[in-house]
Amino acid sequence: MTKINFQTIKINNLRNSSGLFLGTNNQKGRVSKNILNEGFGTVNGKNSEVKKNSANIEKK
C-alpha cells in the first residue's frame, strides 16, 4: 500500500466536486491494473544499427 506523509498541508479552495479525506480511505468497486510489456534484446556486431524498430505484443 502506498503511504504519503505531509508535515503540513494548506488548502486554498474546495469546490463542490472536491473533497479532503483523512484516515483510511477504501474505494469499493474500483480496479487498478498496471501492465508493463517491454523487450528489445541485444544488438551485437561491428557497425550494427537499429533503425525504425517496431514490435508486436500479443496478450495470451
PDB file of N, CA and C in Angstrom:
ATOM      1  N   MET A   1       0.839  -1.168   0.000  1.00  0.00           N
ATOM      2  CA  MET A   1       0.000   0.000   0.000  1.00  0.00           C
ATOM      3  C   MET A   1       0.891   1.240   0.000  1.00  0.00           C
ATOM      4  N   THR A   2       0.506   2.237  -0.737  1.00  0.00           N
ATOM      5  CA  THR A   2       1.240   3.491  -0.791  1.00  0.00           C
ATOM      6  C   THR A   2       0.930   4.325   0.440  1.00  0.00           C
ATOM      7  N   LYS A   3       1.961   4.903   1.030  1.00  0.00           N
ATOM      8  CA  LYS A   3       1.784   5.751   2.200  1.00  0.00           C
ATOM      9  C   LYS A   3       2.417   7.109   1.904  1.00  0.00           C
ATOM     10  N   ILE A   4       1.654   8.166   2.078  1.00  0.00           N
ATOM     11  CA  ILE A   4       2.128   9.530   1.838  1.00  0.00           C
ATOM     12  C   ILE A   4       1.990  10.315   3.123  1.00  0.00           C
ATOM     13  N   ASN A   5       3.075  10.945   3.564  1.00  0.00           N
ATOM     14  CA  ASN A   5       3.056  11.755   4.780  1.00  0.00           C
ATOM     15  C   ASN A   5       3.382  13.206   4.438  1.00  0.00           C
ATOM     16  N   PHE A   6       2.614  14.121   4.971  1.00  0.00           N
ATOM     17  CA  PHE A   6       2.853  15.548   4.827  1.00  0.00           C
ATOM     18  C   PHE A   6       3.117  16.140   6.200  1.00  0.00           C
ATOM     19  N   GLN A   7       4.103  17.015   6.299  1.00  0.00           N
ATOM     20  CA  GLN A   7       4.311  17.756   7.545  1.00  0.00           C
ATOM     21  C   GLN A   7       3.174  18.750   7.744  1.00  0.00           C
ATOM     22  N   THR A   8       2.870  19.489   6.699  1.00  0.00           N
ATOM     23  CA  THR A   8       1.743  20.429   6.724  1.00  0.00           C
ATOM     24  C   THR A   8       1.081  20.413   5.355  1.00  0.00           C
ATOM     25  N   ILE A   9      -0.172  20.804   5.320  1.00  0.00           N
ATOM     26  CA  ILE A   9      -0.886  20.934   4.052  1.00  0.00           C
ATOM     27  C   ILE A   9      -1.792  22.150   4.155  1.00  0.00           C
ATOM     28  N   LYS A  10      -1.799  22.963   3.102  1.00  0.00           N
ATOM     29  CA  LYS A  10      -2.630  24.159   3.056  1.00  0.00           C
ATOM     30  C   LYS A  10      -3.585  24.024   1.884  1.00  0.00           C
ATOM     31  N   ILE A  11      -4.864  24.173   2.140  1.00  0.00           N
ATOM     32  CA  ILE A  11      -5.891  24.072   1.104  1.00  0.00           C
ATOM     33  C   ILE A  11      -6.498  25.449   0.917  1.00  0.00           C
ATOM     34  N   ASN A  12      -6.353  25.969  -0.281  1.00  0.00           N
ATOM     35  CA  ASN A  12      -6.874  27.300  -0.573  1.00  0.00           C
ATOM     36  C   ASN A  12      -8.354  27.291  -0.927  1.00  0.00           C
ATOM     37  N   ASN A  13      -8.827  26.205  -1.560  1.00  0.00           N
ATOM     38  CA  ASN A  13     -10.188  26.221  -2.052  1.00  0.00           C
ATOM     39  C   ASN A  13     -10.691  24.785  -2.232  1.00  0.00           C
ATOM     40  N   LEU A  14     -11.913  24.499  -1.825  1.00  0.00           N
ATOM     41  CA  LEU A  14     -12.584  23.230  -2.104  1.00  0.00           C
ATOM     42  C   LEU A  14     -13.844  23.528  -2.893  1.00  0.00           C
ATOM     43  N   ARG A  15     -14.026  22.862  -4.011  1.00  0.00           N
ATOM     44  CA  ARG A  15     -15.205  23.056  -4.855  1.00  0.00           C
ATOM     45  C   ARG A  15     -16.250  21.985  -4.550  1.00  0.00           C
ATOM     46  N   ASN A  16     -17.359  22.055  -5.229  1.00  0.00           N
ATOM     47  CA  ASN A  16     -18.454  21.109  -4.984  1.00  0.00           C
ATOM     48  C   ASN A  16     -18.059  19.667  -5.250  1.00  0.00           C
ATOM     49  N   SER A  17     -17.218  19.420  -6.246  1.00  0.00           N
ATOM     50  CA  SER A  17     -16.852  18.039  -6.575  1.00  0.00           C
ATOM     51  C   SER A  17     -15.511  17.635  -5.972  1.00  0.00           C
ATOM     52  N   SER A  18     -14.980  18.422  -5.053  1.00  0.00           N
ATOM     53  CA  SER A  18     -13.709  18.117  -4.402  1.00  0.00           C
ATOM     54  C   SER A  18     -13.946  17.653  -2.982  1.00  0.00           C
ATOM     55  N   GLY A  19     -12.902  17.094  -2.393  1.00  0.00           N
ATOM     56  CA  GLY A  19     -13.021  16.681  -1.004  1.00  0.00           C
ATOM     57  C   GLY A  19     -11.660  16.458  -0.395  1.00  0.00           C
ATOM     58  N   LEU A  20     -11.593  16.533   0.908  1.00  0.00           N
ATOM     59  CA  LEU A  20     -10.392  16.233   1.673  1.00  0.00           C
ATOM     60  C   LEU A  20     -10.739  15.054   2.570  1.00  0.00           C
ATOM     61  N   PHE A  21     -10.006  13.963   2.409  1.00  0.00           N
ATOM     62  CA  PHE A  21     -10.310  12.742   3.132  1.00  0.00           C
ATOM     63  C   PHE A  21      -9.122  12.369   4.001  1.00  0.00           C
ATOM     64  N   LEU A  22      -9.355  12.179   5.274  1.00  0.00           N
ATOM     65  CA  LEU A  22      -8.315  11.831   6.227  1.00  0.00           C
ATOM     66  C   LEU A  22      -8.541  10.425   6.742  1.00  0.00           C
ATOM     67  N   GLY A  23      -7.458   9.752   7.077  1.00  0.00           N
ATOM     68  CA  GLY A  23      -7.578   8.405   7.608  1.00  0.00           C
ATOM     69  C   GLY A  23      -7.511   7.371   6.503  1.00  0.00           C
ATOM     70  N   THR A  24      -8.047   6.200   6.758  1.00  0.00           N
ATOM     71  CA  THR A  24      -8.040   5.122   5.786  1.00  0.00           C
ATOM     72  C   THR A  24      -9.207   5.294   4.836  1.00  0.00           C
ATOM     73  N   ASN A  25      -8.896   5.395   3.552  1.00  0.00           N
ATOM     74  CA  ASN A  25      -9.928   5.566   2.533  1.00  0.00           C
ATOM     75  C   ASN A  25      -9.903   4.356   1.605  1.00  0.00           C
ATOM     76  N   ASN A  26     -10.938   3.558   1.641  1.00  0.00           N
ATOM     77  CA  ASN A  26     -11.051   2.388   0.778  1.00  0.00           C
ATOM     78  C   ASN A  26     -12.103   2.662  -0.276  1.00  0.00           C
ATOM     79  N   GLN A  27     -11.702   2.551  -1.536  1.00  0.00           N
ATOM     80  CA  GLN A  27     -12.627   2.760  -2.640  1.00  0.00           C
ATOM     81  C   GLN A  27     -13.184   1.416  -3.071  1.00  0.00           C
ATOM     82  N   LYS A  28     -14.474   1.205  -2.910  1.00  0.00           N
ATOM     83  CA  LYS A  28     -15.099  -0.059  -3.296  1.00  0.00           C
ATOM     84  C   LYS A  28     -15.534   0.012  -4.756  1.00  0.00           C
ATOM     85  N   GLY A  29     -15.411  -1.104  -5.434  1.00  0.00           N
ATOM     86  CA  GLY A  29     -15.843  -1.173  -6.822  1.00  0.00           C
ATOM     87  C   GLY A  29     -14.842  -0.594  -7.808  1.00  0.00           C
ATOM     88  N   ARG A  30     -13.634  -0.292  -7.377  1.00  0.00           N
ATOM     89  CA  ARG A  30     -12.598   0.264  -8.254  1.00  0.00           C
ATOM     90  C   ARG A  30     -11.524  -0.777  -8.485  1.00  0.00           C
ATOM     91  N   VAL A  31     -11.001  -0.822  -9.689  1.00  0.00           N
ATOM     92  CA  VAL A  31      -9.940  -1.761 -10.037  1.00  0.00           C
ATOM     93  C   VAL A  31      -8.823  -0.984 -10.712  1.00  0.00           C
ATOM     94  N   SER A  32      -7.615  -1.281 -10.324  1.00  0.00           N
ATOM     95  CA  SER A  32      -6.448  -0.659 -10.932  1.00  0.00           C
ATOM     96  C   SER A  32      -5.484  -1.752 -11.359  1.00  0.00           C
ATOM     97  N   LYS A  33      -5.044  -1.679 -12.609  1.00  0.00           N
ATOM     98  CA  LYS A  33      -4.094  -2.650 -13.130  1.00  0.00           C
ATOM     99  C   LYS A  33      -2.944  -1.911 -13.784  1.00  0.00           C
ATOM    100  N   ASN A  34      -1.766  -2.482 -13.661  1.00  0.00           N
ATOM    101  CA  ASN A  34      -0.588  -1.907 -14.281  1.00  0.00           C
ATOM    102  C   ASN A  34       0.162  -3.024 -14.989  1.00  0.00           C
ATOM    103  N   ILE A  35       0.283  -2.913 -16.299  1.00  0.00           N
ATOM    104  CA  ILE A  35       0.981  -3.907 -17.093  1.00  0.00           C
ATOM    105  C   ILE A  35       2.094  -3.210 -17.858  1.00  0.00           C
ATOM    106  N   LEU A  36       3.295  -3.772 -17.764  1.00  0.00           N
ATOM    107  CA  LEU A  36       4.435  -3.225 -18.482  1.00  0.00           C
ATOM    108  C   LEU A  36       5.000  -4.305 -19.382  1.00  0.00           C
ATOM    109  N   ASN A  37       4.907  -4.099 -20.686  1.00  0.00           N
ATOM    110  CA  ASN A  37       5.453  -5.027 -21.666  1.00  0.00           C
ATOM    111  C   ASN A  37       6.574  -4.303 -22.403  1.00  0.00           C
ATOM    112  N   GLU A  38       7.764  -4.814 -22.262  1.00  0.00           N
ATOM    113  CA  GLU A  38       8.870  -4.219 -22.989  1.00  0.00           C
ATOM    114  C   GLU A  38       9.915  -5.287 -23.265  1.00  0.00           C
ATOM    115  N   GLY A  39      10.634  -5.093 -24.295  1.00  0.00           N
ATOM    116  CA  GLY A  39      11.683  -6.039 -24.622  1.00  0.00           C
ATOM    117  C   GLY A  39      12.373  -5.611 -25.893  1.00  0.00           C
ATOM    118  N   PHE A  40      13.653  -5.714 -25.911  1.00  0.00           N
ATOM    119  CA  PHE A  40      14.404  -5.338 -27.090  1.00  0.00           C
ATOM    120  C   PHE A  40      15.484  -6.359 -27.384  1.00  0.00           C
ATOM    121  N   GLY A  41      16.097  -6.895 -26.372  1.00  0.00           N
ATOM    122  CA  GLY A  41      17.185  -7.832 -26.589  1.00  0.00           C
ATOM    123  C   GLY A  41      18.505  -7.106 -26.735  1.00  0.00           C
ATOM    124  N   THR A  42      19.391  -7.672 -27.521  1.00  0.00           N
ATOM    125  CA  THR A  42      20.712  -7.080 -27.695  1.00  0.00           C
ATOM    126  C   THR A  42      21.043  -6.942 -29.169  1.00  0.00           C
ATOM    127  N   VAL A  43      21.920  -6.023 -29.459  1.00  0.00           N
ATOM    128  CA  VAL A  43      22.437  -5.840 -30.808  1.00  0.00           C
ATOM    129  C   VAL A  43      23.935  -6.069 -30.735  1.00  0.00           C
ATOM    130  N   ASN A  44      24.424  -7.041 -31.469  1.00  0.00           N
ATOM    131  CA  ASN A  44      25.839  -7.392 -31.435  1.00  0.00           C
ATOM    132  C   ASN A  44      26.451  -7.233 -32.822  1.00  0.00           C
ATOM    133  N   GLY A  45      27.724  -7.031 -32.841  1.00  0.00           N
ATOM    134  CA  GLY A  45      28.454  -6.992 -34.101  1.00  0.00           C
ATOM    135  C   GLY A  45      28.980  -5.606 -34.401  1.00  0.00           C
ATOM    136  N   LYS A  46      30.032  -5.587 -35.160  1.00  0.00           N
ATOM    137  CA  LYS A  46      30.657  -4.328 -35.540  1.00  0.00           C
ATOM    138  C   LYS A  46      29.752  -3.582 -36.516  1.00  0.00           C
ATOM    139  N   ASN A  47      29.579  -2.295 -36.274  1.00  0.00           N
ATOM    140  CA  ASN A  47      28.746  -1.407 -37.103  1.00  0.00           C
ATOM    141  C   ASN A  47      27.275  -1.825 -37.142  1.00  0.00           C
ATOM    142  N   SER A  48      26.796  -2.530 -36.135  1.00  0.00           N
ATOM    143  CA  SER A  48      25.381  -2.914 -36.076  1.00  0.00           C
ATOM    144  C   SER A  48      24.533  -1.703 -35.730  1.00  0.00           C
ATOM    145  N   GLU A  49      23.390  -1.586 -36.366  1.00  0.00           N
ATOM    146  CA  GLU A  49      22.476  -0.471 -36.129  1.00  0.00           C
ATOM    147  C   GLU A  49      21.044  -0.985 -36.019  1.00  0.00           C
ATOM    148  N   VAL A  50      20.219  -0.210 -35.338  1.00  0.00           N
ATOM    149  CA  VAL A  50      18.792  -0.478 -35.282  1.00  0.00           C
ATOM    150  C   VAL A  50      18.096   0.751 -35.828  1.00  0.00           C
ATOM    151  N   LYS A  51      17.277   0.553 -36.857  1.00  0.00           N
ATOM    152  CA  LYS A  51      16.553   1.672 -37.467  1.00  0.00           C
ATOM    153  C   LYS A  51      15.081   1.300 -37.615  1.00  0.00           C
ATOM    154  N   LYS A  52      14.236   2.254 -37.331  1.00  0.00           N
ATOM    155  CA  LYS A  52      12.784   2.086 -37.489  1.00  0.00           C
ATOM    156  C   LYS A  52      12.292   0.793 -36.849  1.00  0.00           C
ATOM    157  N   ASN A  53      12.693   0.571 -35.615  1.00  0.00           N
ATOM    158  CA  ASN A  53      12.316  -0.633 -34.884  1.00  0.00           C
ATOM    159  C   ASN A  53      10.830  -0.604 -34.546  1.00  0.00           C
ATOM    160  N   SER A  54      10.171  -1.739 -34.661  1.00  0.00           N
ATOM    161  CA  SER A  54       8.781  -1.866 -34.236  1.00  0.00           C
ATOM    162  C   SER A  54       8.598  -3.236 -33.601  1.00  0.00           C
ATOM    163  N   ALA A  55       7.564  -3.362 -32.794  1.00  0.00           N
ATOM    164  CA  ALA A  55       7.317  -4.620 -32.101  1.00  0.00           C
ATOM    165  C   ALA A  55       5.825  -4.864 -32.025  1.00  0.00           C
ATOM    166  N   ASN A  56       5.458  -6.110 -31.900  1.00  0.00           N
ATOM    167  CA  ASN A  56       4.077  -6.506 -31.738  1.00  0.00           C
ATOM    168  C   ASN A  56       3.988  -7.413 -30.512  1.00  0.00           C
ATOM    169  N   ILE A  57       3.155  -7.046 -29.549  1.00  0.00           N
ATOM    170  CA  ILE A  57       2.999  -7.829 -28.329  1.00  0.00           C
ATOM    171  C   ILE A  57       1.606  -8.421 -28.336  1.00  0.00           C
ATOM    172  N   GLU A  58       1.543  -9.739 -28.206  1.00  0.00           N
ATOM    173  CA  GLU A  58       0.261 -10.423 -28.167  1.00  0.00           C
ATOM    174  C   GLU A  58      -0.036 -10.882 -26.754  1.00  0.00           C
ATOM    175  N   LYS A  59      -1.213 -10.546 -26.275  1.00  0.00           N
ATOM    176  CA  LYS A  59      -1.638 -10.968 -24.952  1.00  0.00           C
ATOM    177  C   LYS A  59      -2.163 -12.391 -25.040  1.00  0.00           C
ATOM    178  N   LYS A  60      -1.616 -13.287 -24.218  1.00  0.00           N
ATOM    179  CA  LYS A  60      -2.036 -14.688 -24.236  1.00  0.00           C
ATOM    180  C   LYS A  60      -2.754 -15.051 -22.979  1.00  0.00           C
TER     181      LYS A  60
END
